[in-house]
Each structure stands twice: as C-alpha cells, then as structure tokens.
Amino acid sequence: MKTKCPHCKHLFEVEDEFKSKDVYCHSCKRSFEAESYLDEVAANLQKDAQEIPNPPLFEHSSSGIRSCGTFLVVGGVLCGIFLNGMAGLIAFIGGAIMIALGSILKRLEHIDQNIEKMHSETNSRKPDS
C-alpha cells in the first residue's frame, strides 16, 4: 500500500501488513504509524465534497439568454427594415424563442430557489438525535 510520511510528506510503498503499525521514513529518519495514503485521499475528498454547497441549477443563465434573444429580435427587426430579407425574419423568430426560453429558465430558477429554501427549512426543523 502507499503511505505518506506526516513529517516530510514523502510518499512511498509499504507492505499491507504494516498498516496501523510504526514504520520508518528513510527520507526524514522519523517513524510514524502507517496509514493508507488512498484512505487519506478518499477521506479528504469526502470532506471537501461535504463543504462545497450545491450551486443553484440555473444561476444566471436566464438573463443571458434573454439578453441574446433581445439582441436577435432587435437585430431581426433592423435587418427586416433595412435589408428586407429572410435573415431578419429568422433572427426575429430566433430571438423571440430565446426570450421565451430565458423566461422559462427564469421560472426554473425561482422553483430551484424555492426547493432549496424548503429543503433548508426542513433540515433546520429536524430534531437532533
């Protein structure tokens, strides 16, 4: 198994039967209790994962999409006025779809926030055992 010296941080291999036993580090000349380095890494990853909050699912996506949609609608109208072409109509329709999609995502943001709020309220009401 791989183990890491807590004193000098040297990583090396020891036989599995030395787990939880004192071993000698040839790098810093000190002894320590051998633990699996992979167990330490897994514990640290699990601890880090618990500390990272869950980000809102749709944070900031709706306003960007609606802004792009508005830009396309305005661009489509201008293209339609000045160029009398199909590109203006396509841009206008695409922009309208993006604005609608942005509005749907905005509503999903509110739903996501409400779910988070209810979840935190439910957790705060649970009695400690």
C-alpha atoms as a PDB file:
ATOM      1  CA  MET A   1       0.000   0.000   0.000  1.00  0.00           C
ATOM      2  CA  LYS A   2       1.052   3.590  -0.470  1.00  0.00           C
ATOM      3  CA  THR A   3       1.626   5.669   2.640  1.00  0.00           C
ATOM      4  CA  LYS A   4       2.814   9.206   3.249  1.00  0.00           C
ATOM      5  CA  CYS A   5       5.123  10.385   5.997  1.00  0.00           C
ATOM      6  CA  PRO A   6       3.264  13.038   8.029  1.00  0.00           C
ATOM      7  CA  HIS A   7       6.566  14.754   8.836  1.00  0.00           C
ATOM      8  CA  CYS A   8       8.218  15.212   5.440  1.00  0.00           C
ATOM      9  CA  LYS A   9       5.265  14.252   3.171  1.00  0.00           C
ATOM     10  CA  HIS A  10       7.388  11.628   1.387  1.00  0.00           C
ATOM     11  CA  LEU A  11       5.161   9.097  -0.401  1.00  0.00           C
ATOM     12  CA  PHE A  12       6.329   5.501  -0.514  1.00  0.00           C
ATOM     13  CA  GLU A  13       5.175   1.894  -0.685  1.00  0.00           C
ATOM     14  CA  VAL A  14       4.943  -0.492   2.291  1.00  0.00           C
ATOM     15  CA  GLU A  15       3.511  -3.978   2.634  1.00  0.00           C
ATOM     16  CA  ASP A  16      -0.168  -4.133   3.619  1.00  0.00           C
ATOM     17  CA  GLU A  17       0.642  -5.870   6.907  1.00  0.00           C
ATOM     18  CA  PHE A  18       2.315  -2.646   8.135  1.00  0.00           C
ATOM     19  CA  LYS A  19      -0.989  -0.757   8.157  1.00  0.00           C
ATOM     20  CA  SER A  20      -1.529   0.888  11.588  1.00  0.00           C
ATOM     21  CA  LYS A  21       2.000  -0.066  12.644  1.00  0.00           C
ATOM     22  CA  ASP A  22       5.053   2.101  13.164  1.00  0.00           C
ATOM     23  CA  VAL A  23       7.244   2.411  10.095  1.00  0.00           C
ATOM     24  CA  TYR A  24      10.492   4.280   9.499  1.00  0.00           C
ATOM     25  CA  CYS A  25      10.790   7.021   6.888  1.00  0.00           C
ATOM     26  CA  HIS A  26      14.155   6.834   5.132  1.00  0.00           C
ATOM     27  CA  SER A  27      13.714  10.373   3.855  1.00  0.00           C
ATOM     28  CA  CYS A  28      13.432  12.268   7.182  1.00  0.00           C
ATOM     29  CA  LYS A  29      14.636   9.465   9.520  1.00  0.00           C
ATOM     30  CA  ARG A  30      11.495   9.583  11.679  1.00  0.00           C
ATOM     31  CA  SER A  31       8.922   6.925  12.455  1.00  0.00           C
ATOM     32  CA  PHE A  32       5.151   7.162  12.156  1.00  0.00           C
ATOM     33  CA  GLU A  33       2.066   4.964  12.099  1.00  0.00           C
ATOM     34  CA  ALA A  34       1.468   3.800   8.524  1.00  0.00           C
ATOM     35  CA  GLU A  35      -1.949   4.513   7.085  1.00  0.00           C
ATOM     36  CA  SER A  36      -3.082   4.011   3.531  1.00  0.00           C
ATOM     37  CA  TYR A  37      -2.492   7.161   1.532  1.00  0.00           C
ATOM     38  CA  LEU A  38      -5.534   6.330  -0.619  1.00  0.00           C
ATOM     39  CA  ASP A  39      -7.732   6.200   2.514  1.00  0.00           C
ATOM     40  CA  GLU A  40      -6.452   9.666   3.429  1.00  0.00           C
ATOM     41  CA  VAL A  41      -7.143  10.995  -0.064  1.00  0.00           C
ATOM     42  CA  ALA A  42     -10.654   9.495  -0.060  1.00  0.00           C
ATOM     43  CA  ALA A  43     -11.407  10.987   3.366  1.00  0.00           C
ATOM     44  CA  ASN A  44     -10.187  14.412   2.233  1.00  0.00           C
ATOM     45  CA  LEU A  45     -12.261  14.244  -0.952  1.00  0.00           C
ATOM     46  CA  GLN A  46     -15.350  13.262   1.011  1.00  0.00           C
ATOM     47  CA  LYS A  47     -14.761  16.096   3.497  1.00  0.00           C
ATOM     48  CA  ASP A  48     -14.249  18.595   0.660  1.00  0.00           C
ATOM     49  CA  ALA A  49     -17.400  17.384  -1.122  1.00  0.00           C
ATOM     50  CA  GLN A  50     -19.451  17.967   2.023  1.00  0.00           C
ATOM     51  CA  GLU A  51     -18.111  21.514   2.348  1.00  0.00           C
ATOM     52  CA  ILE A  52     -18.972  22.516  -1.232  1.00  0.00           C
ATOM     53  CA  PRO A  53     -22.517  23.885  -1.413  1.00  0.00           C
ATOM     54  CA  ASN A  54     -24.781  22.765  -4.224  1.00  0.00           C
ATOM     55  CA  PRO A  55     -24.885  25.609  -6.733  1.00  0.00           C
ATOM     56  CA  PRO A  56     -28.260  26.780  -7.998  1.00  0.00           C
ATOM     57  CA  LEU A  57     -29.173  24.773 -11.054  1.00  0.00           C
ATOM     58  CA  PHE A  58     -29.919  27.638 -13.421  1.00  0.00           C
ATOM     59  CA  GLU A  59     -27.956  30.515 -11.902  1.00  0.00           C
ATOM     60  CA  HIS A  60     -27.526  33.477 -14.285  1.00  0.00           C
ATOM     61  CA  SER A  61     -28.468  31.513 -17.401  1.00  0.00           C
ATOM     62  CA  SER A  62     -31.884  33.045 -17.995  1.00  0.00           C
ATOM     63  CA  SER A  63     -30.790  36.687 -18.084  1.00  0.00           C
ATOM     64  CA  GLY A  64     -28.023  35.940 -20.579  1.00  0.00           C
ATOM     65  CA  ILE A  65     -30.334  34.019 -22.856  1.00  0.00           C
ATOM     66  CA  ARG A  66     -32.986  36.730 -22.678  1.00  0.00           C
ATOM     67  CA  SER A  67     -30.352  39.380 -23.445  1.00  0.00           C
ATOM     68  CA  CYS A  68     -29.182  37.452 -26.511  1.00  0.00           C
ATOM     69  CA  GLY A  69     -32.808  36.967 -27.522  1.00  0.00           C
ATOM     70  CA  THR A  70     -33.494  40.685 -27.236  1.00  0.00           C
ATOM     71  CA  PHE A  71     -30.407  41.415 -29.320  1.00  0.00           C
ATOM     72  CA  LEU A  72     -31.615  38.989 -32.012  1.00  0.00           C
ATOM     73  CA  VAL A  73     -35.140  40.452 -32.020  1.00  0.00           C
ATOM     74  CA  VAL A  74     -33.815  43.996 -32.399  1.00  0.00           C
ATOM     75  CA  GLY A  75     -31.295  42.829 -34.983  1.00  0.00           C
ATOM     76  CA  GLY A  76     -34.026  40.945 -36.819  1.00  0.00           C
ATOM     77  CA  VAL A  77     -36.265  43.989 -36.924  1.00  0.00           C
ATOM     78  CA  LEU A  78     -33.397  46.172 -38.165  1.00  0.00           C
ATOM     79  CA  CYS A  79     -32.444  43.592 -40.804  1.00  0.00           C
ATOM     80  CA  GLY A  80     -36.092  43.394 -41.860  1.00  0.00           C
ATOM     81  CA  ILE A  81     -36.361  47.160 -42.143  1.00  0.00           C
ATOM     82  CA  PHE A  82     -33.084  47.847 -43.914  1.00  0.00           C
ATOM     83  CA  LEU A  83     -32.461  44.655 -45.879  1.00  0.00           C
ATOM     84  CA  ASN A  84     -35.958  43.259 -46.476  1.00  0.00           C
ATOM     85  CA  GLY A  85     -34.501  39.801 -46.264  1.00  0.00           C
ATOM     86  CA  MET A  86     -35.267  36.421 -44.801  1.00  0.00           C
ATOM     87  CA  ALA A  87     -32.322  36.772 -42.399  1.00  0.00           C
ATOM     88  CA  GLY A  88     -34.207  39.464 -40.484  1.00  0.00           C
ATOM     89  CA  LEU A  89     -37.232  37.216 -40.059  1.00  0.00           C
ATOM     90  CA  ILE A  90     -35.083  34.277 -38.957  1.00  0.00           C
ATOM     91  CA  ALA A  91     -33.210  36.450 -36.442  1.00  0.00           C
ATOM     92  CA  PHE A  92     -36.504  37.860 -35.136  1.00  0.00           C
ATOM     93  CA  ILE A  93     -38.032  34.388 -34.665  1.00  0.00           C
ATOM     94  CA  GLY A  94     -34.833  33.046 -33.103  1.00  0.00           C
ATOM     95  CA  GLY A  95     -34.714  35.998 -30.735  1.00  0.00           C
ATOM     96  CA  ALA A  96     -38.329  35.516 -29.727  1.00  0.00           C
ATOM     97  CA  ILE A  97     -37.628  31.843 -28.996  1.00  0.00           C
ATOM     98  CA  MET A  98     -34.586  32.784 -26.902  1.00  0.00           C
ATOM     99  CA  ILE A  99     -36.590  35.325 -24.902  1.00  0.00           C
ATOM    100  CA  ALA A 100     -39.254  32.676 -24.243  1.00  0.00           C
ATOM    101  CA  LEU A 101     -36.572  30.153 -23.265  1.00  0.00           C
ATOM    102  CA  GLY A 102     -34.977  32.716 -20.961  1.00  0.00           C
ATOM    103  CA  SER A 103     -38.327  33.320 -19.299  1.00  0.00           C
ATOM    104  CA  ILE A 104     -38.795  29.577 -18.774  1.00  0.00           C
ATOM    105  CA  LEU A 105     -35.306  29.327 -17.262  1.00  0.00           C
ATOM    106  CA  LYS A 106     -36.050  32.306 -15.018  1.00  0.00           C
ATOM    107  CA  ARG A 107     -39.115  30.466 -13.718  1.00  0.00           C
ATOM    108  CA  LEU A 108     -36.981  27.343 -13.155  1.00  0.00           C
ATOM    109  CA  GLU A 109     -34.532  29.488 -11.159  1.00  0.00           C
ATOM    110  CA  HIS A 110     -37.381  30.526  -8.873  1.00  0.00           C
ATOM    111  CA  ILE A 111     -38.523  26.908  -8.491  1.00  0.00           C
ATOM    112  CA  ASP A 112     -34.941  25.834  -7.720  1.00  0.00           C
ATOM    113  CA  GLN A 113     -34.608  28.575  -5.092  1.00  0.00           C
ATOM    114  CA  ASN A 114     -37.928  27.593  -3.509  1.00  0.00           C
ATOM    115  CA  ILE A 115     -36.874  23.938  -3.346  1.00  0.00           C
ATOM    116  CA  GLU A 116     -33.576  24.944  -1.698  1.00  0.00           C
ATOM    117  CA  LYS A 117     -35.450  27.130   0.786  1.00  0.00           C
ATOM    118  CA  MET A 118     -37.908  24.350   1.669  1.00  0.00           C
ATOM    119  CA  HIS A 119     -35.030  21.866   1.957  1.00  0.00           C
ATOM    120  CA  SER A 120     -33.090  24.108   4.357  1.00  0.00           C
ATOM    121  CA  GLU A 121     -36.234  24.800   6.420  1.00  0.00           C
ATOM    122  CA  THR A 122     -36.963  21.074   6.647  1.00  0.00           C
ATOM    123  CA  ASN A 123     -33.393  20.341   7.758  1.00  0.00           C
ATOM    124  CA  SER A 124     -33.499  23.084  10.383  1.00  0.00           C
ATOM    125  CA  ARG A 125     -36.699  21.606  11.880  1.00  0.00           C
ATOM    126  CA  LYS A 126     -35.286  18.081  12.297  1.00  0.00           C
ATOM    127  CA  PRO A 127     -34.630  17.289  15.960  1.00  0.00           C
ATOM    128  CA  ASP A 128     -31.076  16.352  16.840  1.00  0.00           C
ATOM    129  CA  SER A 129     -30.688  12.766  17.997  1.00  0.00           C
END
